Protein backbone atom coordinates (compact mmCIF):
# COMPACT_ATOMS: atom_id res chain seq x y z
CA UNK A 1 -11.04 22.59 3.08
CA UNK A 2 -7.60 20.01 3.81
CA UNK A 3 -4.92 18.85 1.27
CA UNK A 4 -3.47 14.93 1.45
CA UNK A 5 -0.83 13.50 -0.39
CA UNK A 6 -1.04 9.53 -0.95
CA UNK A 7 2.38 7.67 -1.62
CA UNK A 8 2.14 5.25 -3.45
CA UNK A 9 4.11 2.16 -5.29
CA UNK A 10 5.06 3.88 -8.98
CA UNK A 11 2.15 2.12 -10.87
CA UNK A 12 -0.68 2.09 -9.37
CA UNK A 13 -0.79 5.71 -9.09
CA UNK A 14 -4.02 5.56 -10.81
CA UNK A 15 -5.84 2.83 -8.86
CA UNK A 16 -5.39 4.82 -5.97
CA UNK A 17 -6.33 8.37 -8.12
CA UNK A 18 -10.32 5.83 -7.93
CA UNK A 19 -10.19 4.83 -4.94
CA UNK A 20 -9.49 8.64 -3.65
CA UNK A 21 -12.51 9.58 -6.03
CA UNK A 22 -14.39 7.08 -5.60
CA UNK A 23 -14.32 8.01 -1.56
CA UNK A 24 -16.08 11.47 -2.88
CA UNK A 25 -12.84 14.04 -2.04
CA UNK A 26 -12.56 17.00 -4.50
CA UNK A 27 -9.69 18.15 -6.79
CA UNK A 28 -7.84 14.81 -7.07
CA UNK A 29 -4.29 15.28 -8.76
CA UNK A 30 -2.23 11.85 -10.19
CA UNK A 31 1.88 12.66 -10.54
CA UNK A 32 4.08 9.80 -10.50
CA UNK A 33 4.42 8.15 -7.29
CA UNK A 34 1.12 9.76 -5.16
CA UNK A 35 -1.63 11.27 -5.36
CA UNK A 36 -2.84 14.70 -4.52
CA UNK A 37 -6.68 15.60 -2.96
CA UNK A 38 -8.92 18.02 -0.89
CA UNK A 39 -10.63 16.56 2.20
CA UNK A 40 -12.13 18.00 5.27
CA UNK A 41 -10.77 16.19 8.40
CA UNK A 42 -13.33 13.58 8.98
CA UNK A 43 -11.62 12.36 5.40
CA UNK A 44 -8.20 11.30 7.01
CA UNK A 45 -9.76 7.97 8.92
CA UNK A 46 -11.70 7.74 5.82
CA UNK A 47 -8.21 7.51 3.30
CA UNK A 48 -6.60 5.39 6.13
CA UNK A 49 -9.10 2.67 6.56
CA UNK A 50 -10.78 2.88 2.97
CA UNK A 51 -7.22 2.99 1.15
CA UNK A 52 -6.42 -0.65 -0.79
CA UNK A 53 -3.33 0.58 -2.95
CA UNK A 54 -1.79 3.86 -1.25
CA UNK A 55 1.89 3.07 0.69
CA UNK A 56 0.22 6.32 3.47
CA UNK A 57 -1.93 9.65 4.66
CA UNK A 58 0.12 12.81 4.79
CA UNK A 59 -1.55 16.30 5.48
CA UNK A 60 0.23 18.79 3.99
CA UNK A 61 1.08 21.63 5.84
CA UNK A 62 3.13 23.82 2.89
CA UNK A 63 4.79 24.36 0.20
CA UNK A 64 7.64 27.13 -0.75
CA UNK A 65 10.88 27.57 -2.59
CA UNK A 66 13.82 25.98 -0.01
CA UNK A 67 17.41 27.09 -2.40
CA UNK A 68 19.08 27.60 1.07
CA UNK A 69 19.23 26.88 4.31
CA UNK A 70 17.83 29.99 5.72
CA UNK A 71 14.70 29.62 3.63
CA UNK A 72 14.08 26.31 4.45
CA UNK A 73 14.42 28.00 7.80
CA UNK A 74 11.85 30.91 7.45
CA UNK A 75 9.20 28.52 5.86
CA UNK A 76 9.40 25.62 8.36
CA UNK A 77 8.86 28.83 10.66
CA UNK A 78 5.67 29.66 9.12
CA UNK A 79 3.87 26.63 9.56
CA UNK A 80 1.58 27.29 12.29
CA UNK A 81 2.81 23.98 14.27
CA UNK A 82 0.57 24.66 17.97
CA UNK A 83 -2.71 24.27 15.87
CA UNK A 84 -1.47 20.42 16.18
CA UNK A 85 1.54 19.27 17.99
CA UNK A 86 0.72 19.62 21.40
CA UNK A 87 2.98 21.05 24.22
CA UNK A 88 4.61 17.53 25.38
CA UNK A 89 3.96 16.01 21.05
CA UNK A 90 7.40 14.21 19.97
CA UNK A 91 7.59 15.76 16.36
CA UNK A 92 10.90 13.71 14.28
CA UNK A 93 12.03 14.70 11.54
CA UNK A 94 12.30 12.63 8.13
CA UNK A 95 11.87 13.56 4.37
CA UNK A 96 14.24 13.78 1.25
CA UNK A 97 15.24 15.60 -1.65
CA UNK A 98 15.85 15.29 -5.58
CA UNK A 99 17.11 17.12 -7.92
CA UNK A 100 17.73 20.28 -5.20
CA UNK A 101 21.02 22.74 -4.11
CA UNK A 102 19.80 21.09 -0.58
CA UNK A 103 20.58 18.10 -1.32
CA UNK A 104 22.19 17.06 2.12
CA UNK A 105 19.16 15.05 3.75
CA UNK A 106 20.38 14.79 7.38
CA UNK A 107 21.10 18.31 7.92
CA UNK A 108 17.46 19.62 5.97
CA UNK A 109 16.17 17.35 8.70
CA UNK A 110 18.07 19.42 11.48
CA UNK A 111 16.81 23.09 10.09
CA UNK A 112 13.08 21.15 10.20
CA UNK A 113 13.65 20.39 13.61
CA UNK A 114 14.74 23.80 14.60
CA UNK A 115 12.21 25.74 13.06
CA UNK A 116 9.36 23.84 14.87
CA UNK A 117 10.90 23.24 18.03
CA UNK A 118 11.96 26.86 18.21
CA UNK A 119 9.07 28.49 17.11
CA UNK A 120 6.70 25.23 19.40
CA UNK A 121 9.51 26.76 22.15
CA UNK A 122 7.57 30.46 22.05
CA UNK A 123 4.18 29.10 21.97
CA UNK A 124 4.45 27.09 25.09
CA UNK A 125 6.51 29.19 26.88
CA UNK A 126 9.39 26.64 27.14
CA UNK A 127 13.47 26.66 26.36
CA UNK A 128 13.12 22.41 26.23
CA UNK A 129 10.37 21.43 25.02
CA UNK A 130 9.76 17.16 26.48
CA UNK A 131 8.33 15.23 23.68
CA UNK A 132 7.33 12.74 25.83
CA UNK A 133 3.51 12.90 24.96
CA UNK A 134 1.81 11.42 21.73
CA UNK A 135 4.22 11.65 18.07
CA UNK A 136 3.27 14.31 15.29
CA UNK A 137 6.06 13.07 12.48
CA UNK A 138 7.21 15.39 10.24
CA UNK A 139 7.71 15.23 6.90
CA UNK A 140 9.16 17.46 4.14
CA UNK A 141 10.33 17.01 0.74
CA UNK A 142 12.21 19.04 -1.31
CA UNK A 143 11.61 18.91 -5.43
CA UNK A 144 12.87 20.95 -7.87
CA UNK A 145 13.99 23.85 -5.04
CA UNK A 146 10.37 23.21 -3.99
CA UNK A 147 9.63 22.00 -0.25
CA UNK A 148 6.47 21.05 0.88
CA UNK A 149 6.32 19.95 4.63
CA UNK A 150 3.77 17.56 5.65
CA UNK A 151 2.17 15.23 9.13
CA UNK A 152 1.64 11.57 7.99
CA UNK A 153 -1.27 10.51 10.33
CA UNK A 154 -0.96 6.80 9.14
CA UNK A 155 2.07 5.77 10.93
CA UNK A 156 2.99 1.81 9.92
CA UNK A 157 2.65 1.76 6.28
CA UNK A 158 -0.59 1.02 4.95
CA UNK A 159 0.52 -2.34 3.78
CA UNK A 160 0.56 -2.87 6.91
CA UNK A 161 -2.82 -3.95 7.12
CA UNK A 162 -2.47 -5.93 10.81
CA UNK A 163 -2.80 -9.28 9.73
CA UNK A 164 0.41 -10.62 8.33
CA UNK A 165 2.12 -10.96 11.76
CA UNK A 166 4.18 -13.77 10.41
CA UNK A 167 5.75 -14.29 6.58
CA UNK A 168 8.07 -16.29 4.04
CA UNK A 169 10.74 -15.53 2.34
CA UNK A 170 10.06 -12.61 0.31
CA UNK A 171 6.38 -11.35 0.14
CA UNK A 172 4.36 -9.97 -1.98
CA UNK A 173 3.38 -6.17 0.22
CA UNK A 174 -0.27 -6.40 0.87
CA UNK A 175 -1.29 -2.75 -1.09
CA UNK A 176 1.03 -4.21 -4.36
CA UNK A 177 -1.65 -8.09 -4.05
CA UNK A 178 -5.08 -5.78 -3.94
CA UNK A 179 -4.07 -3.65 -6.42
CA UNK A 180 -3.84 -7.35 -8.94
CA UNK A 181 -6.69 -8.14 -7.54
CA UNK A 182 -8.69 -4.94 -8.98
CA UNK A 183 -6.49 -4.80 -11.71
CA UNK A 184 -7.56 -8.21 -12.77
CA UNK A 185 -11.10 -6.71 -12.76
CA UNK A 186 -12.12 -9.83 -9.78
CA UNK A 187 -14.89 -9.01 -7.96
CA UNK A 188 -16.67 -12.52 -6.20
CA UNK A 189 -18.74 -14.09 -8.47
CA UNK A 190 -15.90 -15.62 -10.04
CA UNK A 191 -13.34 -18.23 -8.99
CA UNK A 192 -10.05 -16.34 -8.25
CA UNK A 193 -7.14 -19.14 -7.65
CA UNK A 194 -3.43 -18.13 -6.61
CA UNK A 195 -0.98 -21.36 -7.56
CA UNK A 196 1.58 -19.86 -5.64
CA UNK A 197 -0.20 -18.45 -2.65
CA UNK A 198 2.67 -18.35 -0.99
CA UNK A 199 1.29 -16.29 2.91
CA UNK A 200 -1.08 -15.83 1.63
CA UNK A 201 -1.57 -12.52 0.19
CA UNK A 202 -3.11 -11.95 -3.11
CA UNK A 203 -5.68 -14.53 -1.83
CA UNK A 204 -6.80 -12.77 0.64
CA UNK A 205 -7.09 -9.38 -0.03
CA UNK A 206 -8.78 -11.06 -3.64
CA UNK A 207 -11.02 -11.41 -0.45
CA UNK A 208 -12.03 -8.95 1.73
CA UNK A 209 -12.10 -7.26 -1.90
CA UNK A 210 -15.62 -9.36 -2.20
CA UNK A 211 -16.06 -8.79 0.88
CA UNK A 212 -16.12 -4.79 0.59
CA UNK A 213 -14.10 -5.01 4.45
CA UNK A 214 -11.93 -2.46 4.80
CA UNK A 215 -8.71 -3.10 5.29
CA UNK A 216 -7.40 -1.02 7.78
CA UNK A 217 -9.83 -1.65 10.20
CA UNK A 218 -8.12 -4.56 12.01
CA UNK A 219 -4.95 -1.57 12.48
CA UNK A 220 -4.09 1.71 14.41
CA UNK A 221 -2.92 5.05 13.11
CA UNK A 222 -1.12 7.66 14.42
CA UNK A 223 -3.36 10.59 14.24
CA UNK A 224 -5.74 8.56 16.06
CA UNK A 225 -3.44 10.10 19.18
CA UNK A 226 -3.70 13.38 17.67
CA UNK A 227 -5.50 16.06 20.00
CA UNK A 228 -6.52 18.18 17.10
CA UNK A 229 -9.13 15.84 15.28
CA UNK A 230 -11.78 14.72 17.70
CA UNK A 231 -12.14 10.96 18.31
CA UNK A 232 -16.30 10.82 16.74
CA UNK A 233 -14.16 10.87 12.91
CA UNK A 234 -13.03 7.60 13.67
CA UNK A 235 -16.21 7.12 15.10
CA UNK A 236 -17.73 7.70 11.74
CA UNK A 237 -15.22 6.07 9.65
CA UNK A 238 -15.48 3.32 11.54
CA UNK A 239 -19.31 2.96 11.24
CA UNK A 240 -19.02 3.51 7.38
CA UNK A 241 -16.48 1.36 6.72
CA UNK A 242 -18.79 -1.57 8.35
CA UNK A 243 -21.22 -0.53 6.34
CA UNK A 244 -19.96 -1.55 3.39
CA UNK A 245 -19.05 -4.85 4.23
CA UNK A 246 -21.62 -7.29 2.71
CA UNK A 247 -22.14 -11.61 2.82
CA UNK A 248 -21.22 -14.34 -0.23
CA UNK A 249 -20.17 -17.21 -0.46
CA UNK A 250 -16.90 -16.58 -2.58
CA UNK A 251 -14.71 -19.54 -4.84
CA UNK A 252 -11.22 -18.23 -3.47
CA UNK A 253 -7.94 -20.79 -3.79
CA UNK A 254 -4.63 -20.29 -3.32
CA UNK A 255 -2.11 -23.17 -3.48
CA UNK A 256 1.53 -23.40 -2.27
CA UNK A 257 4.30 -26.63 -2.74
CA UNK A 258 5.32 -25.15 0.20
CA UNK A 259 3.20 -26.59 3.62
CA UNK A 260 5.01 -24.13 5.75
CA UNK A 261 3.71 -21.54 3.28
CA UNK A 262 0.08 -23.42 3.68
CA UNK A 263 0.15 -22.86 6.90
CA UNK A 264 0.71 -19.27 7.92
CA UNK A 265 -1.77 -18.75 5.14
CA UNK A 266 -4.36 -19.59 6.85
CA UNK A 267 -3.11 -18.15 9.89
CA UNK A 268 -2.69 -14.91 7.73
CA UNK A 269 -6.75 -15.51 6.81
CA UNK A 270 -7.67 -16.40 10.56
CA UNK A 271 -6.23 -12.97 11.63
CA UNK A 272 -7.63 -11.14 8.87
CA UNK A 273 -11.35 -12.56 9.59
CA UNK A 274 -11.31 -13.77 5.77
CA UNK A 275 -11.19 -17.52 7.24
CA UNK A 276 -14.36 -18.58 6.00
CA UNK A 277 -14.18 -17.07 2.53
CA UNK A 278 -11.43 -18.66 1.30
CA UNK A 279 -9.71 -21.92 0.30
CA UNK A 280 -5.66 -23.08 1.37
CA UNK A 281 -3.97 -26.34 0.48
CA UNK A 282 -0.77 -27.75 -0.60
CA UNK A 283 -0.36 -28.31 -3.73
CA UNK A 284 1.67 -28.55 -6.95
CA UNK A 285 1.86 -26.37 -9.84
CA UNK A 286 2.34 -28.92 -11.88
CA UNK A 287 -1.01 -30.19 -11.56
CA UNK A 288 -3.51 -27.65 -11.47
CA UNK A 289 -6.17 -26.71 -12.92
CA UNK A 290 -9.28 -24.38 -13.51
CA UNK A 291 -12.74 -25.71 -13.63
CA UNK A 292 -15.83 -23.43 -14.60
CA UNK A 293 -16.42 -21.16 -17.27
CA UNK A 294 -14.67 -17.63 -16.00
CA UNK A 295 -12.42 -16.16 -13.55
CA UNK A 296 -9.37 -14.83 -12.35
CA UNK A 297 -6.08 -16.53 -11.89
CA UNK A 298 -3.38 -14.06 -10.15
CA UNK A 299 -0.29 -14.80 -8.62
CA UNK A 300 3.19 -14.08 -8.17
CA UNK A 301 5.42 -17.16 -9.05
CA UNK A 302 9.20 -16.95 -7.69
CA UNK A 303 11.52 -14.48 -8.88
CA UNK A 304 14.14 -16.88 -9.02
CA UNK A 305 16.75 -13.82 -7.17
CA UNK A 306 16.14 -15.05 -3.50
CA UNK A 307 13.74 -18.00 -3.30
CA UNK A 308 15.43 -20.31 -5.83
CA UNK A 309 17.42 -20.86 -8.29
CA UNK A 310 17.24 -19.50 -11.06
CA UNK A 311 16.93 -22.27 -13.44
CA UNK A 312 14.54 -23.95 -11.02
CA UNK A 313 12.01 -20.86 -11.51
CA UNK A 314 12.83 -21.30 -15.66
CA UNK A 315 11.44 -24.65 -14.87
CA UNK A 316 8.15 -23.73 -13.67
CA UNK A 317 7.49 -20.76 -15.51
CA UNK A 318 7.60 -23.11 -18.76
CA UNK A 319 5.50 -26.00 -16.30
CA UNK A 320 3.00 -23.43 -16.00
CA UNK A 321 2.93 -21.86 -19.74
CA UNK A 322 1.43 -25.77 -20.31
CA UNK A 323 -1.22 -25.55 -17.78
CA UNK A 324 -2.34 -22.59 -19.04
CA UNK A 325 -3.57 -23.83 -22.42
CA UNK A 326 -5.73 -25.89 -20.91
CA UNK A 327 -6.83 -23.13 -18.83
CA UNK A 328 -10.84 -22.14 -20.03
CA UNK A 329 -10.98 -19.43 -23.17
CA UNK A 330 -12.34 -17.26 -20.80
CA UNK A 331 -10.16 -17.16 -17.80
CA UNK A 332 -8.09 -13.85 -16.88
CA UNK A 333 -4.54 -14.64 -16.04
CA UNK A 334 -2.33 -11.93 -14.24
CA UNK A 335 1.45 -12.92 -13.14
CA UNK A 336 4.00 -10.66 -11.60
CA UNK A 337 7.90 -11.81 -11.22
CA UNK A 338 10.75 -9.40 -12.22
CA UNK A 339 13.17 -12.64 -15.08
CA UNK A 340 13.01 -10.24 -18.03
CA UNK A 341 12.68 -13.64 -19.83
CA UNK A 342 9.53 -14.70 -18.09
CA UNK A 343 7.61 -14.54 -21.41
CA UNK A 344 9.84 -16.98 -23.43
CA UNK A 345 9.96 -19.77 -20.75
CA UNK A 346 6.18 -18.83 -20.76
CA UNK A 347 5.39 -19.36 -24.01
CA UNK A 348 2.96 -16.09 -24.95
CA UNK A 349 3.40 -12.74 -25.29
CA UNK A 350 1.34 -11.07 -23.03
CA UNK A 351 -1.66 -9.56 -23.85
CA UNK A 352 -0.96 -6.75 -21.70
CA UNK A 353 2.25 -6.08 -19.64
CA UNK A 354 2.61 -2.69 -16.92
CA UNK A 355 6.43 -2.33 -14.74
CA UNK A 356 5.47 -2.02 -11.31
CA UNK A 357 7.04 -2.32 -8.22
CA UNK A 358 7.61 -4.76 -5.03
CA UNK A 359 9.63 -2.87 -2.94
CA UNK A 360 12.93 -1.87 -4.43
CA UNK A 361 12.73 -4.81 -7.34
CA UNK A 362 11.35 -3.53 -9.92
CA UNK A 363 8.67 -6.53 -12.16
CA UNK A 364 6.26 -6.52 -14.74
CA UNK A 365 2.87 -7.41 -14.57
CA UNK A 366 1.98 -9.48 -17.39
CA UNK A 367 -2.37 -9.84 -18.19
CA UNK A 368 -2.77 -13.20 -20.53
CA UNK A 369 -6.68 -13.70 -21.53
CA UNK A 370 -7.78 -16.42 -23.57
């Protein structure tokens, strides 16, 4: 059995843990900023293809105390790197160190690199390794003097689904957008609305969830090129993921006052393969209305920090709050913003408030129910 670590945005750990359990992996442990689990080599592509809220999939190789550079070197030297990295493999090193005696990340990078290179050189009988082949990204994490070494199986983060080649300013990370949709309990049967859609990420993630389409099917991963992982694992995982898709008629809509953003949202929907499931229109939020007894409004309005002046953002919140009072009683409303006084301008206290991060921006997800 292999051990996997799945880093995630703070606040999304429980959702990622639920995703991992649904995939059938064992020993799932939810920790701050990550989820640990155990699985087979066949679970490596399954995790990469199917996770909606995790940021990447790391394969844990070793964990040991590292209170000195010598201890770090010896611990890294003990890893059987030759089981993973071939003769010509590239093995760059990156990582982080927190609350530890070893706090210089560049120095730790050099030590881990040297240890791996010396071991691989001995095994392959080479004084200098060519590093001209496939990349095997080594990562280390040192927390309270305990070092864990990983291989990054994903490459670019899992939030890079492959459908958003271009975007508008201040894009919402796809993993966070998917989490917002999941927290709204949207499954495709009810109307879904995003009146501040920007480049369409929330609505597109809603369409992918409604369709049951695995978010990683349209992109590649570093581990797809690894010689020790059989290609059949990827074929079987992709087949399983596609078997979970189903057709249906969905009422998913996104609107934005900026016609350019709407054009980009439509283009992104085409890239994601959901252009037939979601509609985008140029629309002013002041004219936004809801039809139907049930539904979800999930949105990420401008924060007033980068996209517009703060006063304009606050005016939008007031307008949105006035519209909310006309929303049918059984609609759920989720709003993500970093503005600390959003509830004041919106004119109502949220029933729930969840701390989340949009990149490095600390936000709150406000959940309203009539």
